[in-house]
Structure formats: structure tokens, C-alpha cells
Amino acid sequence: MIKRLLLVLASACVLLLNTARAETGPDTDLVLLTENFPPYNMAKDGKNFAKGENINGIATDIVREMFKRAGLTYSLTLRFPWERVYKLALENPGYGAFVMARLPDRENLFKWVGPIGPDDWIMLAKADSKITLDSLNDARKYKIGAYKGDAIAETLAKQGLKPIVVLRDQDNAKKLVNGQIDLWATGDPAGRYLAKQDGVTGLKTVLRFNSAELYLALNKDVSDDTVSKLQAALEQMRKDGVVDEIMGRYL
């Protein structure tokens, strides 16, 4: 009799637990990952690992407000390198990564919320450089620095330009000034912000070769309802002027 009573109680506990899970849903605590990609997302102390409130930036502030308005919970971690962040978001249910360029070959790999902001692709040269470019094809004869795992580097490689990649995009600023590379393929405004942080100014844009939009990329296991709530929150933020206000804090 006692064993039967314990069995009934145990079954009731399992039922209550499953009911609670069903009510809260699978996405109530999403795991969000990001990287140092100023001014969109960055560790306050400049290190390659940070959690929660120790992360700021345009995209970070926008994502925080999105989740608040959508009534969803999350954890936020900044990691290094980007390739690891990308892989974790791609392979793990309930994970997401930002900011990520929404490209055709990535379209069906994630669920997308955005756009959060622009990321034009540019070629930077030293202020006194004589290099002039009309197209990417003109850049083939030069040494081009890029960021390993980034969409820009991947696109250049696919087109046969063989970029010289580094693990931190800001390292390309000094490599450019020191003559180790002729051109720096980076994002705008990210590249200029990174260069300025490293004390490098006066770089000039010699080619603007693509315009990308940056998004929050969520694992395909994340529910459509969650994606819809976040997208609606972002669109309302844009209408309210909140997105512009956040961008104004950093640019």
C-alpha cells in the first residue's frame, strides 16, 4: 500500500513538472553567444570572455531590450573565437548568436531576427596609399588582411582572393600601418571603430564592395513563436526610435 502511494505521488510530481515545462515552453532561457565586434558587441574590459552585464555595444543593448519587451529570458556570454560561437549556435538547440551577417548560404541554417544594423564591406588602405580600386578583381594583386571565420573573409576566399586572416580583426589595423598588408577587408563602422581603439586613424576607404545586414541568428530548434515575439519587439523598438537612440550612444 505504501509502495503504491509512493508510486502515485512520484507520478504526480512528474506530471506537474512536465506541465510546468509545457507552460513555460522550450525557449524561456535561451543561451545567447556573441564576440568582440565593436561597436556592435564587446566586453567592457576588452577581454575575450565576458558574461551578462560585462558586455555592451549597439547590438547587445538592442538584444537586451528585445528580450525584455518580448518577455523572454536568456543568458549572455561573449566568447572567442567567432568560429566557436557560430558552431555552438548552429549545433545546439536553444542557442543563438549575434551579430551575424545573413547570407544566402546561411539562410536555411538558422532562424533570423533583425536586421539589427548594417555592416558594409570595405577595403581600407593607409592614408598615403596610392592604391585605387574599381572592383574586387582589382584587389587580387595586393595582400589583403581579413578576420578568420568572418563572412567577409569567407566571401573573399570563395572568389579566389586568398585573404591573410587573423584571429582578431583589430590586429589588421596595425598590420596595415606597418606595411604587412596592403588592404584591410573589414566592416563599416566596425573597422574604423576598432582602428581608433588601437590608436590608428586616417585610414581611407578605397572600395565599398558589399552591403550586409546583421542579425540575431537562432538555432533552428527555437520555436517560431519565440522568433515572432522577438521580431515584433524589434520592429516596435524601431518605430519608437529606440534603435536610433541606442546607435547614437556609440557612434
C-alpha atoms as a PDB file:
ATOM      1  CA  MET A   1       0.000   0.000   0.000  1.00  0.00           C
ATOM      2  CA  ILE A   2       2.807   2.401   0.924  1.00  0.00           C
ATOM      3  CA  LYS A   3       4.728   1.480  -2.234  1.00  0.00           C
ATOM      4  CA  ARG A   4       1.614   2.130  -4.329  1.00  0.00           C
ATOM      5  CA  LEU A   5       1.109   5.519  -2.634  1.00  0.00           C
ATOM      6  CA  LEU A   6       4.732   6.499  -3.265  1.00  0.00           C
ATOM      7  CA  LEU A   7       4.376   5.472  -6.906  1.00  0.00           C
ATOM      8  CA  VAL A   8       1.254   7.621  -7.273  1.00  0.00           C
ATOM      9  CA  LEU A   9       2.995  10.601  -5.655  1.00  0.00           C
ATOM     10  CA  ALA A  10       6.040  10.180  -7.882  1.00  0.00           C
ATOM     11  CA  SER A  11       3.833  10.035 -10.983  1.00  0.00           C
ATOM     12  CA  ALA A  12       2.023  13.177  -9.868  1.00  0.00           C
ATOM     13  CA  CYS A  13       5.333  15.019  -9.413  1.00  0.00           C
ATOM     14  CA  VAL A  14       6.478  14.014 -12.899  1.00  0.00           C
ATOM     15  CA  LEU A  15       3.140  15.178 -14.341  1.00  0.00           C
ATOM     16  CA  LEU A  16       3.386  18.538 -12.594  1.00  0.00           C
ATOM     17  CA  LEU A  17       6.969  19.003 -13.778  1.00  0.00           C
ATOM     18  CA  ASN A  18       6.062  18.211 -17.378  1.00  0.00           C
ATOM     19  CA  THR A  19       3.049  20.555 -17.190  1.00  0.00           C
ATOM     20  CA  ALA A  20       5.264  23.383 -15.910  1.00  0.00           C
ATOM     21  CA  ARG A  21       7.715  22.778 -18.731  1.00  0.00           C
ATOM     22  CA  ALA A  22       4.893  22.821 -21.268  1.00  0.00           C
ATOM     23  CA  GLU A  23       3.593  26.120 -19.917  1.00  0.00           C
ATOM     24  CA  THR A  24       6.958  27.855 -19.893  1.00  0.00           C
ATOM     25  CA  GLY A  25       7.955  26.415 -23.273  1.00  0.00           C
ATOM     26  CA  PRO A  26      11.357  25.300 -24.541  1.00  0.00           C
ATOM     27  CA  ASP A  27      12.754  28.783 -25.189  1.00  0.00           C
ATOM     28  CA  THR A  28      12.281  30.520 -21.845  1.00  0.00           C
ATOM     29  CA  ASP A  29      16.022  30.564 -21.209  1.00  0.00           C
ATOM     30  CA  LEU A  30      17.855  30.929 -24.491  1.00  0.00           C
ATOM     31  CA  VAL A  31      21.638  30.760 -24.481  1.00  0.00           C
ATOM     32  CA  LEU A  32      22.938  33.766 -26.417  1.00  0.00           C
ATOM     33  CA  LEU A  33      26.550  33.994 -27.554  1.00  0.00           C
ATOM     34  CA  THR A  34      28.474  36.884 -29.025  1.00  0.00           C
ATOM     35  CA  GLU A  35      32.051  38.011 -29.721  1.00  0.00           C
ATOM     36  CA  ASN A  36      34.135  41.161 -29.561  1.00  0.00           C
ATOM     37  CA  PHE A  37      32.874  43.022 -32.612  1.00  0.00           C
ATOM     38  CA  PRO A  38      32.804  46.717 -31.670  1.00  0.00           C
ATOM     39  CA  PRO A  39      30.767  48.824 -31.736  1.00  0.00           C
ATOM     40  CA  TYR A  40      28.041  46.177 -32.000  1.00  0.00           C
ATOM     41  CA  ASN A  41      29.111  43.854 -29.189  1.00  0.00           C
ATOM     42  CA  MET A  42      32.140  43.927 -26.889  1.00  0.00           C
ATOM     43  CA  ALA A  43      33.459  43.048 -23.458  1.00  0.00           C
ATOM     44  CA  LYS A  44      33.659  46.116 -21.231  1.00  0.00           C
ATOM     45  CA  ASP A  45      37.197  45.174 -20.189  1.00  0.00           C
ATOM     46  CA  GLY A  46      38.268  44.321 -23.730  1.00  0.00           C
ATOM     47  CA  LYS A  47      38.941  40.669 -22.911  1.00  0.00           C
ATOM     48  CA  ASN A  48      37.819  37.674 -24.956  1.00  0.00           C
ATOM     49  CA  PHE A  49      35.449  36.288 -22.333  1.00  0.00           C
ATOM     50  CA  ALA A  50      32.637  38.075 -20.539  1.00  0.00           C
ATOM     51  CA  LYS A  51      29.155  37.377 -19.197  1.00  0.00           C
ATOM     52  CA  GLY A  52      25.958  39.319 -18.639  1.00  0.00           C
ATOM     53  CA  GLU A  53      26.331  42.950 -17.693  1.00  0.00           C
ATOM     54  CA  ASN A  54      30.045  42.927 -18.549  1.00  0.00           C
ATOM     55  CA  ILE A  55      29.078  43.043 -22.243  1.00  0.00           C
ATOM     56  CA  ASN A  56      27.860  46.149 -24.063  1.00  0.00           C
ATOM     57  CA  GLY A  57      27.577  47.603 -27.552  1.00  0.00           C
ATOM     58  CA  ILE A  58      24.882  48.585 -30.031  1.00  0.00           C
ATOM     59  CA  ALA A  59      23.632  45.063 -30.741  1.00  0.00           C
ATOM     60  CA  THR A  60      23.906  43.976 -27.113  1.00  0.00           C
ATOM     61  CA  ASP A  61      21.723  46.854 -25.948  1.00  0.00           C
ATOM     62  CA  ILE A  62      19.204  46.203 -28.725  1.00  0.00           C
ATOM     63  CA  VAL A  63      19.012  42.475 -27.971  1.00  0.00           C
ATOM     64  CA  ARG A  64      18.537  43.124 -24.245  1.00  0.00           C
ATOM     65  CA  GLU A  65      15.620  45.447 -24.940  1.00  0.00           C
ATOM     66  CA  MET A  66      14.121  42.995 -27.450  1.00  0.00           C
ATOM     67  CA  PHE A  67      14.056  40.181 -24.914  1.00  0.00           C
ATOM     68  CA  LYS A  68      12.657  42.485 -22.219  1.00  0.00           C
ATOM     69  CA  ARG A  69       9.788  43.574 -24.456  1.00  0.00           C
ATOM     70  CA  ALA A  70       9.156  40.015 -25.645  1.00  0.00           C
ATOM     71  CA  GLY A  71       9.020  38.754 -22.056  1.00  0.00           C
ATOM     72  CA  LEU A  72      11.704  36.123 -22.695  1.00  0.00           C
ATOM     73  CA  THR A  73      14.677  35.127 -20.567  1.00  0.00           C
ATOM     74  CA  TYR A  74      18.212  34.401 -21.675  1.00  0.00           C
ATOM     75  CA  SER A  75      21.832  34.105 -20.646  1.00  0.00           C
ATOM     76  CA  LEU A  76      24.534  36.054 -22.473  1.00  0.00           C
ATOM     77  CA  THR A  77      28.186  35.117 -22.921  1.00  0.00           C
ATOM     78  CA  LEU A  78      30.930  36.663 -25.021  1.00  0.00           C
ATOM     79  CA  ARG A  79      33.440  34.115 -26.308  1.00  0.00           C
ATOM     80  CA  PHE A  80      36.378  33.740 -28.653  1.00  0.00           C
ATOM     81  CA  PRO A  81      36.901  32.893 -31.473  1.00  0.00           C
ATOM     82  CA  TRP A  82      33.861  33.590 -33.674  1.00  0.00           C
ATOM     83  CA  GLU A  83      34.120  30.163 -35.311  1.00  0.00           C
ATOM     84  CA  ARG A  84      33.330  28.566 -31.945  1.00  0.00           C
ATOM     85  CA  VAL A  85      30.395  30.915 -31.332  1.00  0.00           C
ATOM     86  CA  TYR A  86      28.996  30.102 -34.780  1.00  0.00           C
ATOM     87  CA  LYS A  87      29.382  26.339 -34.317  1.00  0.00           C
ATOM     88  CA  LEU A  88      27.728  26.335 -30.874  1.00  0.00           C
ATOM     89  CA  ALA A  89      24.719  28.285 -32.163  1.00  0.00           C
ATOM     90  CA  LEU A  90      24.432  26.061 -35.227  1.00  0.00           C
ATOM     91  CA  GLU A  91      24.573  22.745 -33.378  1.00  0.00           C
ATOM     92  CA  ASN A  92      22.842  23.348 -30.025  1.00  0.00           C
ATOM     93  CA  PRO A  93      19.057  23.644 -29.527  1.00  0.00           C
ATOM     94  CA  GLY A  94      18.102  26.792 -27.640  1.00  0.00           C
ATOM     95  CA  TYR A  95      21.250  28.674 -28.664  1.00  0.00           C
ATOM     96  CA  GLY A  96      21.677  31.877 -30.651  1.00  0.00           C
ATOM     97  CA  ALA A  97      24.499  34.124 -31.835  1.00  0.00           C
ATOM     98  CA  PHE A  98      24.777  37.782 -32.747  1.00  0.00           C
ATOM     99  CA  VAL A  99      25.562  39.750 -34.728  1.00  0.00           C
ATOM    100  CA  MET A 100      25.676  37.565 -37.820  1.00  0.00           C
ATOM    101  CA  ALA A 101      25.548  38.542 -41.479  1.00  0.00           C
ATOM    102  CA  ARG A 102      22.529  36.967 -43.167  1.00  0.00           C
ATOM    103  CA  LEU A 103      23.996  35.397 -46.282  1.00  0.00           C
ATOM    104  CA  PRO A 104      22.384  33.048 -48.842  1.00  0.00           C
ATOM    105  CA  ASP A 105      24.449  30.034 -47.785  1.00  0.00           C
ATOM    106  CA  ARG A 106      23.442  30.587 -44.151  1.00  0.00           C
ATOM    107  CA  GLU A 107      19.765  31.320 -44.784  1.00  0.00           C
ATOM    108  CA  ASN A 108      18.412  27.843 -44.039  1.00  0.00           C
ATOM    109  CA  LEU A 109      20.834  27.079 -41.214  1.00  0.00           C
ATOM    110  CA  PHE A 110      19.277  29.443 -38.649  1.00  0.00           C
ATOM    111  CA  LYS A 111      16.136  31.336 -37.741  1.00  0.00           C
ATOM    112  CA  TRP A 112      16.683  35.080 -38.022  1.00  0.00           C
ATOM    113  CA  VAL A 113      15.670  38.166 -36.037  1.00  0.00           C
ATOM    114  CA  GLY A 114      16.568  41.550 -37.456  1.00  0.00           C
ATOM    115  CA  PRO A 115      18.073  43.396 -39.075  1.00  0.00           C
ATOM    116  CA  ILE A 116      19.853  44.841 -36.060  1.00  0.00           C
ATOM    117  CA  GLY A 117      22.198  47.071 -38.027  1.00  0.00           C
ATOM    118  CA  PRO A 118      24.200  47.496 -41.239  1.00  0.00           C
ATOM    119  CA  ASP A 119      27.633  46.129 -41.978  1.00  0.00           C
ATOM    120  CA  ASP A 120      29.005  47.489 -45.229  1.00  0.00           C
ATOM    121  CA  TRP A 121      32.079  45.676 -46.507  1.00  0.00           C
ATOM    122  CA  ILE A 122      35.004  47.903 -47.385  1.00  0.00           C
ATOM    123  CA  MET A 123      38.678  47.859 -48.295  1.00  0.00           C
ATOM    124  CA  LEU A 124      40.755  50.222 -46.174  1.00  0.00           C
ATOM    125  CA  ALA A 125      44.212  51.480 -47.063  1.00  0.00           C
ATOM    126  CA  LYS A 126      46.726  53.790 -45.397  1.00  0.00           C
ATOM    127  CA  ALA A 127      46.063  57.494 -45.808  1.00  0.00           C
ATOM    128  CA  ASP A 128      49.060  57.921 -48.147  1.00  0.00           C
ATOM    129  CA  SER A 129      48.362  54.779 -50.193  1.00  0.00           C
ATOM    130  CA  LYS A 130      48.320  55.124 -53.982  1.00  0.00           C
ATOM    131  CA  ILE A 131      46.017  52.119 -54.377  1.00  0.00           C
ATOM    132  CA  THR A 132      42.814  52.701 -56.331  1.00  0.00           C
ATOM    133  CA  LEU A 133      40.193  50.013 -56.860  1.00  0.00           C
ATOM    134  CA  ASP A 134      37.150  49.862 -59.106  1.00  0.00           C
ATOM    135  CA  SER A 135      36.218  46.283 -58.190  1.00  0.00           C
ATOM    136  CA  LEU A 136      37.300  43.325 -56.095  1.00  0.00           C
ATOM    137  CA  ASN A 137      39.114  41.954 -59.100  1.00  0.00           C
ATOM    138  CA  ASP A 138      41.500  44.919 -58.928  1.00  0.00           C
ATOM    139  CA  ALA A 139      42.489  43.845 -55.400  1.00  0.00           C
ATOM    140  CA  ARG A 140      43.858  40.446 -56.437  1.00  0.00           C
ATOM    141  CA  LYS A 141      47.437  41.682 -56.755  1.00  0.00           C
ATOM    142  CA  TYR A 142      47.527  43.053 -53.195  1.00  0.00           C
ATOM    143  CA  LYS A 143      47.975  41.492 -49.755  1.00  0.00           C
ATOM    144  CA  ILE A 144      44.566  41.649 -48.095  1.00  0.00           C
ATOM    145  CA  GLY A 145      44.054  41.258 -44.361  1.00  0.00           C
ATOM    146  CA  ALA A 146      40.770  39.866 -43.004  1.00  0.00           C
ATOM    147  CA  TYR A 147      39.223  38.301 -39.890  1.00  0.00           C
ATOM    148  CA  LYS A 148      39.262  34.491 -39.680  1.00  0.00           C
ATOM    149  CA  GLY A 149      35.818  32.911 -39.862  1.00  0.00           C
ATOM    150  CA  ASP A 150      34.110  36.188 -40.750  1.00  0.00           C
ATOM    151  CA  ALA A 151      31.700  36.379 -43.691  1.00  0.00           C
ATOM    152  CA  ILE A 152      33.971  38.899 -45.415  1.00  0.00           C
ATOM    153  CA  ALA A 153      36.986  36.591 -45.280  1.00  0.00           C
ATOM    154  CA  GLU A 154      34.885  33.633 -46.430  1.00  0.00           C
ATOM    155  CA  THR A 155      33.491  35.589 -49.375  1.00  0.00           C
ATOM    156  CA  LEU A 156      36.932  36.771 -50.478  1.00  0.00           C
ATOM    157  CA  ALA A 157      38.303  33.226 -50.246  1.00  0.00           C
ATOM    158  CA  LYS A 158      35.427  31.867 -52.361  1.00  0.00           C
ATOM    159  CA  GLN A 159      36.321  34.423 -55.023  1.00  0.00           C
ATOM    160  CA  GLY A 160      39.958  33.340 -55.004  1.00  0.00           C
ATOM    161  CA  LEU A 161      41.442  36.455 -53.362  1.00  0.00           C
ATOM    162  CA  LYS A 162      43.277  34.441 -50.638  1.00  0.00           C
ATOM    163  CA  PRO A 163      42.995  36.848 -47.683  1.00  0.00           C
ATOM    164  CA  ILE A 164      45.604  36.749 -44.914  1.00  0.00           C
ATOM    165  CA  VAL A 165      43.466  36.066 -41.847  1.00  0.00           C
ATOM    166  CA  VAL A 166      43.986  36.900 -38.169  1.00  0.00           C
ATOM    167  CA  LEU A 167      42.109  35.861 -35.027  1.00  0.00           C
ATOM    168  CA  ARG A 168      41.365  39.482 -34.013  1.00  0.00           C
ATOM    169  CA  ASP A 169      40.181  41.913 -36.670  1.00  0.00           C
ATOM    170  CA  GLN A 170      41.758  44.893 -34.864  1.00  0.00           C
ATOM    171  CA  ASP A 171      45.202  43.386 -35.487  1.00  0.00           C
ATOM    172  CA  ASN A 172      44.748  44.246 -39.155  1.00  0.00           C
ATOM    173  CA  ALA A 173      44.818  47.982 -38.381  1.00  0.00           C
ATOM    174  CA  LYS A 174      48.433  47.906 -37.228  1.00  0.00           C
ATOM    175  CA  LYS A 175      49.401  45.355 -39.872  1.00  0.00           C
ATOM    176  CA  LEU A 176      48.132  47.833 -42.454  1.00  0.00           C
ATOM    177  CA  VAL A 177      50.038  50.751 -40.945  1.00  0.00           C
ATOM    178  CA  ASN A 178      53.198  48.630 -40.631  1.00  0.00           C
ATOM    179  CA  GLY A 179      53.052  47.528 -44.271  1.00  0.00           C
ATOM    180  CA  GLN A 180      52.424  43.842 -43.544  1.00  0.00           C
ATOM    181  CA  ILE A 181      49.259  44.032 -45.651  1.00  0.00           C
ATOM    182  CA  ASP A 182      48.241  46.435 -48.412  1.00  0.00           C
ATOM    183  CA  LEU A 183      44.499  46.406 -47.777  1.00  0.00           C
ATOM    184  CA  TRP A 184      42.194  45.609 -44.892  1.00  0.00           C
ATOM    185  CA  ALA A 185      38.865  43.996 -45.752  1.00  0.00           C
ATOM    186  CA  THR A 186      36.524  44.814 -42.892  1.00  0.00           C
ATOM    187  CA  GLY A 187      33.106  46.111 -41.950  1.00  0.00           C
ATOM    188  CA  ASP A 188      31.963  49.700 -41.682  1.00  0.00           C
ATOM    189  CA  PRO A 189      31.556  51.053 -38.998  1.00  0.00           C
ATOM    190  CA  ALA A 190      33.269  48.182 -37.169  1.00  0.00           C
ATOM    191  CA  GLY A 191      36.691  48.566 -38.830  1.00  0.00           C
ATOM    192  CA  ARG A 192      37.048  52.270 -38.167  1.00  0.00           C
ATOM    193  CA  TYR A 193      35.945  51.810 -34.553  1.00  0.00           C
ATOM    194  CA  LEU A 194      38.493  49.028 -33.984  1.00  0.00           C
ATOM    195  CA  ALA A 195      41.290  51.037 -35.602  1.00  0.00           C
ATOM    196  CA  LYS A 196      40.526  54.064 -33.452  1.00  0.00           C
ATOM    197  CA  GLN A 197      40.592  51.925 -30.309  1.00  0.00           C
ATOM    198  CA  ASP A 198      44.098  50.789 -31.280  1.00  0.00           C
ATOM    199  CA  GLY A 199      45.228  54.354 -31.934  1.00  0.00           C
ATOM    200  CA  VAL A 200      45.103  54.049 -35.718  1.00  0.00           C
ATOM    201  CA  THR A 201      43.384  56.884 -37.581  1.00  0.00           C
ATOM    202  CA  GLY A 202      43.457  58.390 -41.052  1.00  0.00           C
ATOM    203  CA  LEU A 203      42.704  55.192 -42.964  1.00  0.00           C
ATOM    204  CA  LYS A 204      40.839  55.692 -46.229  1.00  0.00           C
ATOM    205  CA  THR A 205      38.203  53.628 -47.979  1.00  0.00           C
ATOM    206  CA  VAL A 206      39.344  52.570 -51.432  1.00  0.00           C
ATOM    207  CA  LEU A 207      36.440  50.238 -52.205  1.00  0.00           C
ATOM    208  CA  ARG A 208      32.959  49.574 -50.862  1.00  0.00           C
ATOM    209  CA  PHE A 209      32.058  46.173 -52.236  1.00  0.00           C
ATOM    210  CA  ASN A 210      29.020  44.889 -50.383  1.00  0.00           C
ATOM    211  CA  SER A 211      26.238  45.891 -48.031  1.00  0.00           C
ATOM    212  CA  ALA A 212      25.195  43.279 -45.473  1.00  0.00           C
ATOM    213  CA  GLU A 213      22.632  43.336 -42.693  1.00  0.00           C
ATOM    214  CA  LEU A 214      23.428  41.963 -39.249  1.00  0.00           C
ATOM    215  CA  TYR A 215      21.004  39.727 -37.339  1.00  0.00           C
ATOM    216  CA  LEU A 216      20.429  37.624 -34.255  1.00  0.00           C
ATOM    217  CA  ALA A 217      20.758  34.054 -35.576  1.00  0.00           C
ATOM    218  CA  LEU A 218      18.857  31.407 -33.591  1.00  0.00           C
ATOM    219  CA  ASN A 219      19.243  27.645 -33.737  1.00  0.00           C
ATOM    220  CA  LYS A 220      16.566  26.091 -35.952  1.00  0.00           C
ATOM    221  CA  ASP A 221      15.158  24.279 -32.909  1.00  0.00           C
ATOM    222  CA  VAL A 222      13.998  27.588 -31.388  1.00  0.00           C
ATOM    223  CA  SER A 223      10.223  27.916 -31.712  1.00  0.00           C
ATOM    224  CA  ASP A 224       8.641  30.112 -34.374  1.00  0.00           C
ATOM    225  CA  ASP A 225       6.600  31.755 -31.623  1.00  0.00           C
ATOM    226  CA  THR A 226       9.777  32.949 -29.907  1.00  0.00           C
ATOM    227  CA  VAL A 227      11.187  34.255 -33.180  1.00  0.00           C
ATOM    228  CA  SER A 228       7.929  36.117 -33.898  1.00  0.00           C
ATOM    229  CA  LYS A 229       7.858  37.717 -30.442  1.00  0.00           C
ATOM    230  CA  LEU A 230      11.440  38.949 -30.780  1.00  0.00           C
ATOM    231  CA  GLN A 231      10.885  40.253 -34.310  1.00  0.00           C
ATOM    232  CA  ALA A 232       7.760  42.134 -33.230  1.00  0.00           C
ATOM    233  CA  ALA A 233       9.631  43.646 -30.285  1.00  0.00           C
ATOM    234  CA  LEU A 234      12.449  44.843 -32.577  1.00  0.00           C
ATOM    235  CA  GLU A 235      10.048  46.391 -35.067  1.00  0.00           C
ATOM    236  CA  GLN A 236       8.274  48.254 -32.278  1.00  0.00           C
ATOM    237  CA  MET A 237      11.630  49.482 -30.938  1.00  0.00           C
ATOM    238  CA  ARG A 238      12.456  50.825 -34.371  1.00  0.00           C
ATOM    239  CA  LYS A 239       9.113  52.654 -34.563  1.00  0.00           C
ATOM    240  CA  ASP A 240       9.635  54.090 -31.075  1.00  0.00           C
ATOM    241  CA  GLY A 241      13.052  55.441 -32.047  1.00  0.00           C
ATOM    242  CA  VAL A 242      14.810  53.232 -29.517  1.00  0.00           C
ATOM    243  CA  VAL A 243      17.122  51.616 -32.087  1.00  0.00           C
ATOM    244  CA  ASP A 244      18.341  55.013 -33.310  1.00  0.00           C
ATOM    245  CA  GLU A 245      18.791  56.177 -29.733  1.00  0.00           C
ATOM    246  CA  ILE A 246      20.948  53.151 -28.890  1.00  0.00           C
ATOM    247  CA  MET A 247      23.097  53.621 -32.006  1.00  0.00           C
ATOM    248  CA  GLY A 248      23.580  57.264 -31.064  1.00  0.00           C
ATOM    249  CA  ARG A 249      25.216  56.228 -27.799  1.00  0.00           C
ATOM    250  CA  TYR A 250      28.116  54.598 -29.622  1.00  0.00           C
ATOM    251  CA  LEU A 251      28.518  56.359 -32.991  1.00  0.00           C
END
